Amino acid sequence: MISRVKNSQHEHTSVEIPTIIVAAAIYCGFLVVTWSFDDLPLMVAAPVTALLLAWHSSFQHETIHGHPTNSRRINTLFGWPPLSLWLPYEVYRETHWRHHRCKGRRLTQPADDPESHYLPAGALSGAAPAVRMIFWLNRTFAGRLILGPALSVTRFWVAELRRLTAGEPARLRVWIRHAASVAVVVAWVVGVCHIPLSLYVAAMIYPAIALGQLRSFAEHRAHADAKFRTVSVETNWLFRLLFLNNNLHIAHHAKPSMPWYELPSAWRAMRHGAIGVGMTVEPGYRSLLSRHFLRPIIAAEYPAASATVP
């Protein structure tokens, strides 16, 4: 019989079989599709790989939240491989827990929330029209998918470069470990499977990051009251599986240690109450597309009225 242990916020089995199955599907699928790359039409191989990379990002998020085992070391081993190359797992874990700290009281605030899509107040004052246009587009559905990956990766790398040049030896060791892991992935993708690195980045990694931008497009908005800063997007089974139910973001922030396969029932239990108090529930990504294709969903700069911490 599988033993059960107490978690500070949720009780779960020592080994979560549904999450293990997801891990096996992702890693086996990645190995099979990349190994068969030359035998598959590019219009099949590229999008399937991109979907697997996006799914892998969702899985990494699960491992950061304490799944699929009770051991942080084992979960790290599960989530460590940098299939998308650009983001060190250790940095993702650190920044994501900063995103969750203070029970949401720092959410969306650019100085405190590393996953905020807002700029600090006044950041665009005196900016060139082209820069203003880029950040205007990044607040639209179309712009977030097209420009969002480049902006997010660039912002992340610039911030990390500043830390490295400031002389943080611990950060340098993180990047050395990441570089060694990236070398293994590139050796497989390029050296063994003969996929051009430029193609892997442009046709597989970039679309995978764009899918992550799709999920996060509406999930947080500035508000003076912290409980209204998180949004759930109700969608079809394919997106729910791809995002491992993280689109039910109100439920995830309410129960951050709950495994992905239990979030739908938790959301059903809290949905009526969430809507009753005025929390935002989006009916799906198609609705967001129709309303925000070229219409910004949030302000570019963080609203001063939302800066207070309840």
C-alpha atoms as a PDB file:
ATOM      1  CA  MET A   1       0.000   0.000   0.000  1.00  0.00           C
ATOM      2  CA  ILE A   2       1.319   3.456  -0.898  1.00  0.00           C
ATOM      3  CA  SER A   3       2.085   5.476   2.194  1.00  0.00           C
ATOM      4  CA  ARG A   4       0.692   8.952   2.697  1.00  0.00           C
ATOM      5  CA  VAL A   5       2.490  11.909   4.236  1.00  0.00           C
ATOM      6  CA  LYS A   6       1.435  15.302   5.455  1.00  0.00           C
ATOM      7  CA  ASN A   7       2.246  18.385   3.404  1.00  0.00           C
ATOM      8  CA  SER A   8       1.933  21.822   5.003  1.00  0.00           C
ATOM      9  CA  GLN A   9      -0.954  22.728   2.710  1.00  0.00           C
ATOM     10  CA  HIS A  10      -2.120  19.469   1.196  1.00  0.00           C
ATOM     11  CA  GLU A  11      -1.856  15.751   1.783  1.00  0.00           C
ATOM     12  CA  HIS A  12      -0.798  13.663  -1.172  1.00  0.00           C
ATOM     13  CA  THR A  13       0.579  10.229  -1.903  1.00  0.00           C
ATOM     14  CA  SER A  14       4.317   9.643  -1.833  1.00  0.00           C
ATOM     15  CA  VAL A  15       4.237   8.852  -5.558  1.00  0.00           C
ATOM     16  CA  GLU A  16       1.597  10.461  -7.768  1.00  0.00           C
ATOM     17  CA  ILE A  17       0.948   8.055 -10.620  1.00  0.00           C
ATOM     18  CA  PRO A  18      -0.878  10.544 -12.927  1.00  0.00           C
ATOM     19  CA  THR A  19       2.098  12.917 -12.777  1.00  0.00           C
ATOM     20  CA  ILE A  20       4.549  10.061 -13.379  1.00  0.00           C
ATOM     21  CA  ILE A  21       2.523   9.129 -16.470  1.00  0.00           C
ATOM     22  CA  VAL A  22       2.728  12.730 -17.702  1.00  0.00           C
ATOM     23  CA  ALA A  23       6.506  12.732 -17.168  1.00  0.00           C
ATOM     24  CA  ALA A  24       6.885   9.474 -19.081  1.00  0.00           C
ATOM     25  CA  ALA A  25       4.715  10.759 -21.944  1.00  0.00           C
ATOM     26  CA  ILE A  26       6.730  13.978 -22.209  1.00  0.00           C
ATOM     27  CA  TYR A  27      10.208  12.489 -22.090  1.00  0.00           C
ATOM     28  CA  CYS A  28       9.413   9.418 -24.191  1.00  0.00           C
ATOM     29  CA  GLY A  29       7.504  11.565 -26.681  1.00  0.00           C
ATOM     30  CA  PHE A  30      10.395  14.018 -26.917  1.00  0.00           C
ATOM     31  CA  LEU A  31      12.936  11.242 -27.526  1.00  0.00           C
ATOM     32  CA  VAL A  32      10.754   9.517 -30.125  1.00  0.00           C
ATOM     33  CA  VAL A  33       9.813  12.641 -32.093  1.00  0.00           C
ATOM     34  CA  THR A  34      13.328  14.086 -32.141  1.00  0.00           C
ATOM     35  CA  TRP A  35      14.861  10.694 -33.020  1.00  0.00           C
ATOM     36  CA  SER A  36      12.333  10.342 -35.874  1.00  0.00           C
ATOM     37  CA  PHE A  37      12.738  13.941 -37.008  1.00  0.00           C
ATOM     38  CA  ASP A  38      14.202  13.090 -40.437  1.00  0.00           C
ATOM     39  CA  ASP A  39      11.388  10.623 -41.129  1.00  0.00           C
ATOM     40  CA  LEU A  40       8.551  12.999 -40.211  1.00  0.00           C
ATOM     41  CA  PRO A  41       7.183  15.964 -42.169  1.00  0.00           C
ATOM     42  CA  LEU A  42       8.410  19.197 -40.622  1.00  0.00           C
ATOM     43  CA  MET A  43       4.785  20.339 -40.292  1.00  0.00           C
ATOM     44  CA  VAL A  44       4.241  17.389 -37.959  1.00  0.00           C
ATOM     45  CA  ALA A  45       7.548  17.168 -36.118  1.00  0.00           C
ATOM     46  CA  ALA A  46       7.859  20.870 -35.260  1.00  0.00           C
ATOM     47  CA  PRO A  47       4.402  21.471 -33.718  1.00  0.00           C
ATOM     48  CA  VAL A  48       4.407  18.143 -31.875  1.00  0.00           C
ATOM     49  CA  THR A  49       7.797  18.958 -30.368  1.00  0.00           C
ATOM     50  CA  ALA A  50       6.610  22.458 -29.461  1.00  0.00           C
ATOM     51  CA  LEU A  51       3.580  20.982 -27.680  1.00  0.00           C
ATOM     52  CA  LEU A  52       5.835  18.567 -25.778  1.00  0.00           C
ATOM     53  CA  LEU A  53       8.129  21.416 -24.733  1.00  0.00           C
ATOM     54  CA  ALA A  54       5.166  23.485 -23.515  1.00  0.00           C
ATOM     55  CA  TRP A  55       3.835  20.446 -21.649  1.00  0.00           C
ATOM     56  CA  HIS A  56       7.289  19.960 -20.140  1.00  0.00           C
ATOM     57  CA  SER A  57       7.179  23.524 -18.811  1.00  0.00           C
ATOM     58  CA  SER A  58       3.851  22.738 -17.129  1.00  0.00           C
ATOM     59  CA  PHE A  59       5.390  19.589 -15.677  1.00  0.00           C
ATOM     60  CA  GLN A  60       8.389  21.529 -14.352  1.00  0.00           C
ATOM     61  CA  HIS A  61       5.909  23.795 -12.588  1.00  0.00           C
ATOM     62  CA  GLU A  62       4.415  20.720 -10.904  1.00  0.00           C
ATOM     63  CA  THR A  63       7.825  19.529  -9.712  1.00  0.00           C
ATOM     64  CA  ILE A  64       8.531  22.955  -8.204  1.00  0.00           C
ATOM     65  CA  HIS A  65       5.292  22.648  -6.215  1.00  0.00           C
ATOM     66  CA  GLY A  66       6.286  19.329  -4.673  1.00  0.00           C
ATOM     67  CA  HIS A  67       5.205  16.699  -7.192  1.00  0.00           C
ATOM     68  CA  PRO A  68       5.256  13.842  -8.119  1.00  0.00           C
ATOM     69  CA  THR A  69       7.006  12.635  -4.929  1.00  0.00           C
ATOM     70  CA  ASN A  70       7.643  13.856  -1.397  1.00  0.00           C
ATOM     71  CA  SER A  71      11.357  14.263  -2.141  1.00  0.00           C
ATOM     72  CA  ARG A  72      12.527  17.638  -3.414  1.00  0.00           C
ATOM     73  CA  ARG A  73      15.687  15.991  -4.745  1.00  0.00           C
ATOM     74  CA  ILE A  74      13.753  13.424  -6.789  1.00  0.00           C
ATOM     75  CA  ASN A  75      11.319  16.064  -8.035  1.00  0.00           C
ATOM     76  CA  THR A  76      14.271  18.202  -9.108  1.00  0.00           C
ATOM     77  CA  LEU A  77      15.707  15.287 -11.063  1.00  0.00           C
ATOM     78  CA  PHE A  78      12.347  14.857 -12.790  1.00  0.00           C
ATOM     79  CA  GLY A  79      12.078  18.512 -13.764  1.00  0.00           C
ATOM     80  CA  TRP A  80      15.727  19.423 -14.299  1.00  0.00           C
ATOM     81  CA  PRO A  81      16.338  18.645 -18.038  1.00  0.00           C
ATOM     82  CA  PRO A  82      16.309  22.004 -19.886  1.00  0.00           C
ATOM     83  CA  LEU A  83      14.496  20.841 -23.006  1.00  0.00           C
ATOM     84  CA  SER A  84      13.709  24.470 -23.900  1.00  0.00           C
ATOM     85  CA  LEU A  85      17.327  25.476 -23.185  1.00  0.00           C
ATOM     86  CA  TRP A  86      16.824  29.059 -21.975  1.00  0.00           C
ATOM     87  CA  LEU A  87      15.680  28.778 -18.340  1.00  0.00           C
ATOM     88  CA  PRO A  88      17.742  27.198 -15.536  1.00  0.00           C
ATOM     89  CA  TYR A  89      15.525  25.017 -13.389  1.00  0.00           C
ATOM     90  CA  GLU A  90      17.044  26.385 -10.170  1.00  0.00           C
ATOM     91  CA  VAL A  91      16.232  29.960 -11.171  1.00  0.00           C
ATOM     92  CA  TYR A  92      12.700  29.000 -12.209  1.00  0.00           C
ATOM     93  CA  ARG A  93      12.122  27.380  -8.810  1.00  0.00           C
ATOM     94  CA  GLU A  94      13.470  30.418  -6.949  1.00  0.00           C
ATOM     95  CA  THR A  95      11.537  33.031  -8.942  1.00  0.00           C
ATOM     96  CA  HIS A  96       8.322  31.055  -8.989  1.00  0.00           C
ATOM     97  CA  TRP A  97       8.259  30.716  -5.212  1.00  0.00           C
ATOM     98  CA  ARG A  98       8.850  34.458  -4.976  1.00  0.00           C
ATOM     99  CA  HIS A  99       5.766  34.810  -7.169  1.00  0.00           C
ATOM    100  CA  HIS A 100       3.774  32.822  -4.601  1.00  0.00           C
ATOM    101  CA  ARG A 101       5.134  34.389  -1.425  1.00  0.00           C
ATOM    102  CA  CYS A 102       3.130  36.516   1.025  1.00  0.00           C
ATOM    103  CA  LYS A 103      -0.101  34.668   0.104  1.00  0.00           C
ATOM    104  CA  GLY A 104      -0.603  36.806  -2.989  1.00  0.00           C
ATOM    105  CA  ARG A 105      -0.075  40.199  -1.385  1.00  0.00           C
ATOM    106  CA  ARG A 106       2.837  40.908  -3.766  1.00  0.00           C
ATOM    107  CA  LEU A 107       1.259  39.477  -6.907  1.00  0.00           C
ATOM    108  CA  THR A 108       1.546  41.601 -10.070  1.00  0.00           C
ATOM    109  CA  GLN A 109       3.792  44.211  -8.401  1.00  0.00           C
ATOM    110  CA  PRO A 110       6.817  44.509 -10.726  1.00  0.00           C
ATOM    111  CA  ALA A 111       9.293  45.190  -7.926  1.00  0.00           C
ATOM    112  CA  ASP A 112       8.297  42.025  -6.037  1.00  0.00           C
ATOM    113  CA  ASP A 113       6.674  39.605  -8.488  1.00  0.00           C
ATOM    114  CA  PRO A 114       9.200  38.206 -11.008  1.00  0.00           C
ATOM    115  CA  GLU A 115       6.346  36.918 -13.187  1.00  0.00           C
ATOM    116  CA  SER A 116       4.562  40.283 -13.443  1.00  0.00           C
ATOM    117  CA  HIS A 117       3.779  41.573 -16.945  1.00  0.00           C
ATOM    118  CA  TYR A 118       3.635  45.148 -15.678  1.00  0.00           C
ATOM    119  CA  LEU A 119       6.377  47.736 -15.980  1.00  0.00           C
ATOM    120  CA  PRO A 120       7.183  49.948 -12.990  1.00  0.00           C
ATOM    121  CA  ALA A 121       5.270  53.218 -12.899  1.00  0.00           C
ATOM    122  CA  GLY A 122       6.959  55.800 -15.105  1.00  0.00           C
ATOM    123  CA  ALA A 123       9.086  53.238 -16.975  1.00  0.00           C
ATOM    124  CA  LEU A 124       7.841  54.429 -20.372  1.00  0.00           C
ATOM    125  CA  SER A 125       8.143  58.149 -19.702  1.00  0.00           C
ATOM    126  CA  GLY A 126      10.350  59.536 -22.436  1.00  0.00           C
ATOM    127  CA  ALA A 127      10.455  56.169 -24.254  1.00  0.00           C
ATOM    128  CA  ALA A 128      10.703  56.190 -28.037  1.00  0.00           C
ATOM    129  CA  PRO A 129       7.455  55.592 -29.966  1.00  0.00           C
ATOM    130  CA  ALA A 130       8.767  52.235 -31.193  1.00  0.00           C
ATOM    131  CA  VAL A 131       9.342  51.084 -27.610  1.00  0.00           C
ATOM    132  CA  ARG A 132       5.878  52.227 -26.585  1.00  0.00           C
ATOM    133  CA  MET A 133       4.409  50.338 -29.536  1.00  0.00           C
ATOM    134  CA  ILE A 134       6.220  47.139 -28.570  1.00  0.00           C
ATOM    135  CA  PHE A 135       4.870  47.255 -25.029  1.00  0.00           C
ATOM    136  CA  TRP A 136       1.410  48.176 -26.305  1.00  0.00           C
ATOM    137  CA  LEU A 137       1.449  45.129 -28.581  1.00  0.00           C
ATOM    138  CA  ASN A 138       2.689  42.904 -25.768  1.00  0.00           C
ATOM    139  CA  ARG A 139      -0.532  43.635 -23.884  1.00  0.00           C
ATOM    140  CA  THR A 140      -2.653  42.326 -26.772  1.00  0.00           C
ATOM    141  CA  PHE A 141      -3.411  38.683 -27.495  1.00  0.00           C
ATOM    142  CA  ALA A 142      -1.615  38.723 -30.859  1.00  0.00           C
ATOM    143  CA  GLY A 143       1.373  40.649 -29.569  1.00  0.00           C
ATOM    144  CA  ARG A 144       1.800  38.451 -26.492  1.00  0.00           C
ATOM    145  CA  LEU A 145       2.077  35.331 -28.638  1.00  0.00           C
ATOM    146  CA  ILE A 146       4.368  36.912 -31.244  1.00  0.00           C
ATOM    147  CA  LEU A 147       6.535  39.271 -29.185  1.00  0.00           C
ATOM    148  CA  GLY A 148       5.967  37.908 -25.688  1.00  0.00           C
ATOM    149  CA  PRO A 149       8.514  35.062 -25.831  1.00  0.00           C
ATOM    150  CA  ALA A 150      11.297  37.349 -27.072  1.00  0.00           C
ATOM    151  CA  LEU A 151      10.502  40.041 -24.493  1.00  0.00           C
ATOM    152  CA  SER A 152      10.246  37.588 -21.604  1.00  0.00           C
ATOM    153  CA  VAL A 153      13.468  35.753 -22.451  1.00  0.00           C
ATOM    154  CA  THR A 154      15.351  39.006 -23.066  1.00  0.00           C
ATOM    155  CA  ARG A 155      14.151  40.550 -19.799  1.00  0.00           C
ATOM    156  CA  PHE A 156      15.087  37.395 -17.909  1.00  0.00           C
ATOM    157  CA  TRP A 157      18.557  37.133 -19.466  1.00  0.00           C
ATOM    158  CA  VAL A 158      19.305  40.824 -18.880  1.00  0.00           C
ATOM    159  CA  ALA A 159      18.357  40.483 -15.202  1.00  0.00           C
ATOM    160  CA  GLU A 160      20.497  37.358 -14.855  1.00  0.00           C
ATOM    161  CA  LEU A 161      23.446  39.003 -16.629  1.00  0.00           C
ATOM    162  CA  ARG A 162      23.290  41.872 -14.150  1.00  0.00           C
ATOM    163  CA  ARG A 163      23.486  39.401 -11.271  1.00  0.00           C
ATOM    164  CA  LEU A 164      26.413  37.587 -12.857  1.00  0.00           C
ATOM    165  CA  THR A 165      28.352  40.778 -13.579  1.00  0.00           C
ATOM    166  CA  ALA A 166      27.665  41.917 -10.013  1.00  0.00           C
ATOM    167  CA  GLY A 167      29.819  38.989  -8.948  1.00  0.00           C
ATOM    168  CA  GLU A 168      27.428  36.464  -7.420  1.00  0.00           C
ATOM    169  CA  PRO A 169      29.399  33.178  -7.289  1.00  0.00           C
ATOM    170  CA  ALA A 170      26.324  31.129  -6.374  1.00  0.00           C
ATOM    171  CA  ARG A 171      24.503  32.402  -9.457  1.00  0.00           C
ATOM    172  CA  LEU A 172      27.511  31.627 -11.621  1.00  0.00           C
ATOM    173  CA  ARG A 173      27.473  28.036 -10.381  1.00  0.00           C
ATOM    174  CA  VAL A 174      23.782  27.790 -11.238  1.00  0.00           C
ATOM    175  CA  TRP A 175      24.492  28.860 -14.805  1.00  0.00           C
ATOM    176  CA  ILE A 176      27.479  26.531 -15.119  1.00  0.00           C
ATOM    177  CA  ARG A 177      25.288  23.598 -14.105  1.00  0.00           C
ATOM    178  CA  HIS A 178      22.613  24.797 -16.513  1.00  0.00           C
ATOM    179  CA  ALA A 179      25.125  25.125 -19.352  1.00  0.00           C
ATOM    180  CA  ALA A 180      26.296  21.553 -18.784  1.00  0.00           C
ATOM    181  CA  SER A 181      22.682  20.328 -18.927  1.00  0.00           C
ATOM    182  CA  VAL A 182      21.995  22.371 -22.068  1.00  0.00           C
ATOM    183  CA  ALA A 183      25.061  20.797 -23.681  1.00  0.00           C
ATOM    184  CA  VAL A 184      23.552  17.338 -23.119  1.00  0.00           C
ATOM    185  CA  VAL A 185      20.197  18.354 -24.676  1.00  0.00           C
ATOM    186  CA  VAL A 186      21.916  20.039 -27.648  1.00  0.00           C
ATOM    187  CA  ALA A 187      24.166  16.997 -28.130  1.00  0.00           C
ATOM    188  CA  TRP A 188      21.027  14.862 -28.464  1.00  0.00           C
ATOM    189  CA  VAL A 189      18.989  17.273 -30.598  1.00  0.00           C
ATOM    190  CA  VAL A 190      21.763  18.431 -32.920  1.00  0.00           C
ATOM    191  CA  GLY A 191      24.474  15.805 -32.656  1.00  0.00           C
ATOM    192  CA  VAL A 192      22.342  12.648 -32.585  1.00  0.00           C
ATOM    193  CA  CYS A 193      19.046  13.686 -34.204  1.00  0.00           C
ATOM    194  CA  HIS A 194      20.595  16.162 -36.681  1.00  0.00           C
ATOM    195  CA  ILE A 195      18.038  18.895 -36.029  1.00  0.00           C
ATOM    196  CA  PRO A 196      19.553  22.294 -36.831  1.00  0.00           C
ATOM    197  CA  LEU A 197      19.803  24.332 -33.648  1.00  0.00           C
ATOM    198  CA  SER A 198      18.302  27.386 -35.362  1.00  0.00           C
ATOM    199  CA  LEU A 199      15.285  25.311 -36.406  1.00  0.00           C
ATOM    200  CA  TYR A 200      14.907  23.844 -32.923  1.00  0.00           C
ATOM    201  CA  VAL A 201      14.904  27.320 -31.395  1.00  0.00           C
ATOM    202  CA  ALA A 202      12.696  29.052 -33.974  1.00  0.00           C
ATOM    203  CA  ALA A 203      10.170  26.325 -34.808  1.00  0.00           C
ATOM    204  CA  MET A 204       9.927  24.427 -31.522  1.00  0.00           C
ATOM    205  CA  ILE A 205      11.198  26.382 -28.500  1.00  0.00           C
ATOM    206  CA  TYR A 206       9.743  29.756 -29.502  1.00  0.00           C
ATOM    207  CA  PRO A 207       6.211  28.382 -30.155  1.00  0.00           C
ATOM    208  CA  ALA A 208       6.411  26.433 -26.884  1.00  0.00           C
ATOM    209  CA  ILE A 209       7.179  29.616 -24.962  1.00  0.00           C
ATOM    210  CA  ALA A 210       4.314  31.312 -26.841  1.00  0.00           C
ATOM    211  CA  LEU A 211       1.940  28.646 -25.529  1.00  0.00           C
ATOM    212  CA  GLY A 212       3.106  29.490 -22.027  1.00  0.00           C
ATOM    213  CA  GLN A 213       2.438  33.146 -22.797  1.00  0.00           C
ATOM    214  CA  LEU A 214      -1.068  32.151 -23.885  1.00  0.00           C
ATOM    215  CA  ARG A 215      -1.725  30.522 -20.522  1.00  0.00           C
ATOM    216  CA  SER A 216      -0.392  33.474 -18.558  1.00  0.00           C
ATOM    217  CA  PHE A 217      -2.024  36.140 -20.763  1.00  0.00           C
ATOM    218  CA  ALA A 218      -4.999  36.723 -18.450  1.00  0.00           C
ATOM    219  CA  GLU A 219      -4.120  34.940 -15.214  1.00  0.00           C
ATOM    220  CA  HIS A 220      -3.014  37.993 -13.154  1.00  0.00           C
ATOM    221  CA  ARG A 221      -4.242  41.597 -13.107  1.00  0.00           C
ATOM    222  CA  ALA A 222      -3.408  44.498 -10.800  1.00  0.00           C
ATOM    223  CA  HIS A 223      -5.976  45.292  -8.140  1.00  0.00           C
ATOM    224  CA  ALA A 224      -5.895  47.092  -4.791  1.00  0.00           C
ATOM    225  CA  ASP A 225      -7.285  43.932  -3.139  1.00  0.00           C
ATOM    226  CA  ALA A 226      -4.914  40.967  -3.503  1.00  0.00           C
ATOM    227  CA  LYS A 227      -7.696  38.387  -3.784  1.00  0.00           C
ATOM    228  CA  PHE A 228      -8.826  39.917  -7.087  1.00  0.00           C
ATOM    229  CA  ARG A 229      -5.389  39.743  -8.716  1.00  0.00           C
ATOM    230  CA  THR A 230      -5.748  36.134  -9.872  1.00  0.00           C
ATOM    231  CA  VAL A 231      -7.951  34.937 -12.747  1.00  0.00           C
ATOM    232  CA  SER A 232      -9.155  31.488 -13.832  1.00  0.00           C
ATOM    233  CA  VAL A 233      -9.588  30.634 -17.511  1.00  0.00           C
ATOM    234  CA  GLU A 234     -12.010  27.786 -18.165  1.00  0.00           C
ATOM    235  CA  THR A 235     -11.058  25.943 -21.323  1.00  0.00           C
ATOM    236  CA  ASN A 236     -11.247  22.636 -23.181  1.00  0.00           C
ATOM    237  CA  TRP A 237      -9.624  19.354 -22.197  1.00  0.00           C
ATOM    238  CA  LEU A 238      -6.623  19.805 -24.527  1.00  0.00           C
ATOM    239  CA  PHE A 239      -5.500  23.085 -22.982  1.00  0.00           C
ATOM    240  CA  ARG A 240      -6.294  21.790 -19.505  1.00  0.00           C
ATOM    241  CA  LEU A 241      -3.986  18.825 -20.096  1.00  0.00           C
ATOM    242  CA  LEU A 242      -1.306  20.933 -21.781  1.00  0.00           C
ATOM    243  CA  PHE A 243      -1.291  23.403 -18.891  1.00  0.00           C
ATOM    244  CA  LEU A 244      -1.907  20.699 -16.256  1.00  0.00           C
ATOM    245  CA  ASN A 245      -4.935  22.679 -15.072  1.00  0.00           C
ATOM    246  CA  ASN A 246      -2.818  25.695 -14.180  1.00  0.00           C
ATOM    247  CA  ASN A 247      -5.333  27.725 -16.193  1.00  0.00           C
ATOM    248  CA  LEU A 248      -7.569  27.279 -13.115  1.00  0.00           C
ATOM    249  CA  HIS A 249      -5.280  29.803 -11.538  1.00  0.00           C
ATOM    250  CA  ILE A 250      -7.518  30.925  -8.687  1.00  0.00           C
ATOM    251  CA  ALA A 251      -7.607  27.338  -7.437  1.00  0.00           C
ATOM    252  CA  HIS A 252      -3.859  26.954  -7.915  1.00  0.00           C
ATOM    253  CA  HIS A 253      -3.045  30.052  -5.857  1.00  0.00           C
ATOM    254  CA  ALA A 254      -5.560  29.053  -3.199  1.00  0.00           C
ATOM    255  CA  LYS A 255      -4.044  25.553  -2.968  1.00  0.00           C
ATOM    256  CA  PRO A 256      -0.504  25.817  -4.427  1.00  0.00           C
ATOM    257  CA  SER A 257       0.590  22.363  -3.239  1.00  0.00           C
ATOM    258  CA  MET A 258      -2.416  20.545  -4.704  1.00  0.00           C
ATOM    259  CA  PRO A 259      -1.518  18.216  -7.625  1.00  0.00           C
ATOM    260  CA  TRP A 260      -2.786  19.193 -11.054  1.00  0.00           C
ATOM    261  CA  TYR A 261      -5.310  16.355 -11.355  1.00  0.00           C
ATOM    262  CA  GLU A 262      -7.152  17.448  -8.193  1.00  0.00           C
ATOM    263  CA  LEU A 263      -7.464  21.120  -9.176  1.00  0.00           C
ATOM    264  CA  PRO A 264     -10.678  20.703 -11.275  1.00  0.00           C
ATOM    265  CA  SER A 265     -12.648  19.327  -8.325  1.00  0.00           C
ATOM    266  CA  ALA A 266     -11.206  22.018  -6.050  1.00  0.00           C
ATOM    267  CA  TRP A 267     -12.200  24.653  -8.596  1.00  0.00           C
ATOM    268  CA  ARG A 268     -15.748  23.291  -8.867  1.00  0.00           C
ATOM    269  CA  ALA A 269     -16.040  23.554  -5.073  1.00  0.00           C
ATOM    270  CA  MET A 270     -14.865  27.170  -4.940  1.00  0.00           C
ATOM    271  CA  ARG A 271     -16.137  28.498  -8.295  1.00  0.00           C
ATOM    272  CA  HIS A 272     -19.525  29.755  -7.102  1.00  0.00           C
ATOM    273  CA  GLY A 273     -18.005  31.562  -4.143  1.00  0.00           C
ATOM    274  CA  ALA A 274     -15.229  33.083  -6.267  1.00  0.00           C
ATOM    275  CA  ILE A 275     -17.706  34.463  -8.777  1.00  0.00           C
ATOM    276  CA  GLY A 276     -19.972  35.603  -5.956  1.00  0.00           C
ATOM    277  CA  VAL A 277     -17.309  37.882  -4.475  1.00  0.00           C
ATOM    278  CA  GLY A 278     -16.393  39.272  -7.874  1.00  0.00           C
ATOM    279  CA  MET A 279     -13.284  37.311  -8.836  1.00  0.00           C
ATOM    280  CA  THR A 280     -12.679  37.101 -12.586  1.00  0.00           C
ATOM    281  CA  VAL A 281     -13.405  33.900 -14.486  1.00  0.00           C
ATOM    282  CA  GLU A 282     -12.728  33.936 -18.215  1.00  0.00           C
ATOM    283  CA  PRO A 283     -14.854  31.631 -20.391  1.00  0.00           C
ATOM    284  CA  GLY A 284     -11.903  30.496 -22.519  1.00  0.00           C
ATOM    285  CA  TYR A 285      -9.008  31.492 -24.736  1.00  0.00           C
ATOM    286  CA  ARG A 286     -11.285  31.978 -27.736  1.00  0.00           C
ATOM    287  CA  SER A 287     -13.128  34.655 -25.801  1.00  0.00           C
ATOM    288  CA  LEU A 288      -9.835  36.342 -24.906  1.00  0.00           C
ATOM    289  CA  LEU A 289      -8.790  36.181 -28.559  1.00  0.00           C
ATOM    290  CA  SER A 290     -12.003  37.824 -29.768  1.00  0.00           C
ATOM    291  CA  ARG A 291     -11.866  40.619 -27.157  1.00  0.00           C
ATOM    292  CA  HIS A 292      -8.145  41.288 -26.982  1.00  0.00           C
ATOM    293  CA  PHE A 293      -6.653  40.303 -30.352  1.00  0.00           C
ATOM    294  CA  LEU A 294      -5.411  43.872 -30.807  1.00  0.00           C
ATOM    295  CA  ARG A 295      -6.840  45.401 -27.635  1.00  0.00           C
ATOM    296  CA  PRO A 296      -4.656  45.591 -24.495  1.00  0.00           C
ATOM    297  CA  ILE A 297      -5.826  43.498 -21.561  1.00  0.00           C
ATOM    298  CA  ILE A 298      -3.866  45.412 -18.906  1.00  0.00           C
ATOM    299  CA  ALA A 299      -2.059  48.726 -18.517  1.00  0.00           C
ATOM    300  CA  ALA A 300       1.605  48.792 -19.501  1.00  0.00           C
ATOM    301  CA  GLU A 301       2.715  50.389 -16.229  1.00  0.00           C
ATOM    302  CA  TYR A 302       1.621  49.260 -12.799  1.00  0.00           C
ATOM    303  CA  PRO A 303      -1.383  51.310 -11.651  1.00  0.00           C
ATOM    304  CA  ALA A 304      -0.638  53.450  -8.609  1.00  0.00           C
ATOM    305  CA  ALA A 305      -4.055  52.587  -7.144  1.00  0.00           C
ATOM    306  CA  SER A 306      -3.040  48.907  -6.962  1.00  0.00           C
ATOM    307  CA  ALA A 307       0.310  49.455  -5.285  1.00  0.00           C
ATOM    308  CA  THR A 308      -0.918  49.119  -1.715  1.00  0.00           C
ATOM    309  CA  VAL A 309      -0.472  45.760  -0.016  1.00  0.00           C
ATOM    310  CA  PRO A 310      -3.685  44.686   1.778  1.00  0.00           C
END
